[in-house]
Amino acid sequence: MSIYELDISWATTANERRHLHWELLACERVRAVFLTARDDVLAILFGGDRREFDTWSRTLDEDLHTTATTNEEGAF
């Protein structure tokens, strides 16, 4: 396990922060989440190597845009 920084500057709305919260809870490889001195960065204790963390972290923002688009289309 290692600690990596996760840039969350993309999560600016309450909906995006809720999505991020659930993604962090759902990931079995995320063992702990720590606040940092910066508002747009979290420290993540991750059960995998750097490559796996980078791959996983890229899916967070992608999943949000897919979910948001689906929700908007269903609302109309």
Protein backbone atom coordinates (compact mmCIF):
# COMPACT_ATOMS: atom_id res chain seq x y z
CA MET A 1 0.00 0.00 0.00
CA SER A 2 1.06 3.53 -0.73
CA ILE A 3 -0.25 7.04 -0.26
CA TYR A 4 -0.98 9.04 -3.40
CA GLU A 5 -2.34 12.53 -3.96
CA LEU A 6 -5.68 12.74 -5.72
CA ASP A 7 -6.47 16.01 -7.51
CA ILE A 8 -10.14 16.75 -6.94
CA SER A 9 -10.20 20.25 -8.45
CA TRP A 10 -12.73 18.97 -11.00
CA ALA A 11 -15.27 18.27 -8.21
CA THR A 12 -16.61 21.79 -7.71
CA THR A 13 -20.35 21.21 -7.28
CA ALA A 14 -22.15 19.42 -4.47
CA ASN A 15 -23.23 16.70 -6.92
CA GLU A 16 -19.63 16.12 -8.03
CA ARG A 17 -18.45 15.93 -4.41
CA ARG A 18 -21.19 13.38 -3.58
CA HIS A 19 -20.19 11.33 -6.62
CA LEU A 20 -16.55 11.42 -5.51
CA HIS A 21 -17.53 10.40 -1.97
CA TRP A 22 -19.40 7.32 -3.23
CA GLU A 23 -16.62 6.36 -5.64
CA LEU A 24 -14.09 6.47 -2.81
CA LEU A 25 -16.34 4.32 -0.61
CA ALA A 26 -17.00 1.81 -3.40
CA CYS A 27 -13.39 1.19 -4.36
CA GLU A 28 -11.98 -1.82 -2.52
CA ARG A 29 -8.43 -0.61 -3.12
CA VAL A 30 -9.00 2.69 -1.29
CA ARG A 31 -8.10 1.92 2.32
CA ALA A 32 -8.24 5.45 3.76
CA VAL A 33 -8.74 9.06 2.69
CA PHE A 34 -7.02 12.01 4.35
CA LEU A 35 -7.54 15.74 3.99
CA THR A 36 -4.52 17.80 3.03
CA ALA A 37 -3.62 21.46 3.44
CA ARG A 38 -4.99 22.07 -0.06
CA ASP A 39 -8.76 22.03 -0.67
CA ASP A 40 -8.37 20.45 -4.10
CA VAL A 41 -6.18 17.48 -3.10
CA LEU A 42 -6.87 14.39 -1.00
CA ALA A 43 -4.27 11.90 0.22
CA ILE A 44 -5.38 8.35 -0.61
CA LEU A 45 -4.03 5.19 1.01
CA PHE A 46 -4.29 2.87 -1.99
CA GLY A 47 -3.74 -0.88 -2.19
CA GLY A 48 -2.02 -0.93 -5.56
CA ASP A 49 0.91 0.50 -7.47
CA ARG A 50 1.18 3.96 -9.04
CA ARG A 51 0.01 2.77 -12.47
CA GLU A 52 -3.13 1.21 -10.99
CA PHE A 53 -3.85 4.35 -8.97
CA ASP A 54 -3.43 6.58 -12.02
CA THR A 55 -5.74 4.37 -14.07
CA TRP A 56 -8.37 4.31 -11.33
CA SER A 57 -8.18 8.05 -10.64
CA ARG A 58 -8.74 8.88 -14.32
CA THR A 59 -12.04 7.00 -14.24
CA LEU A 60 -13.48 9.24 -11.51
CA ASP A 61 -13.97 12.29 -13.70
CA GLU A 62 -15.01 10.19 -16.71
CA ASP A 63 -17.69 8.37 -14.67
CA LEU A 64 -19.10 11.67 -13.45
CA HIS A 65 -19.59 13.04 -16.96
CA THR A 66 -21.23 9.81 -18.10
CA THR A 67 -23.58 9.81 -15.10
CA ALA A 68 -24.43 13.49 -15.45
CA THR A 69 -25.26 13.11 -19.12
CA THR A 70 -27.48 10.11 -18.44
CA ASN A 71 -29.30 11.93 -15.63
CA GLU A 72 -29.87 15.04 -17.72
CA GLU A 73 -31.26 13.07 -20.63
CA GLY A 74 -33.63 11.15 -18.38
CA ALA A 75 -34.93 14.38 -16.83
CA PHE A 76 -36.23 15.82 -20.09
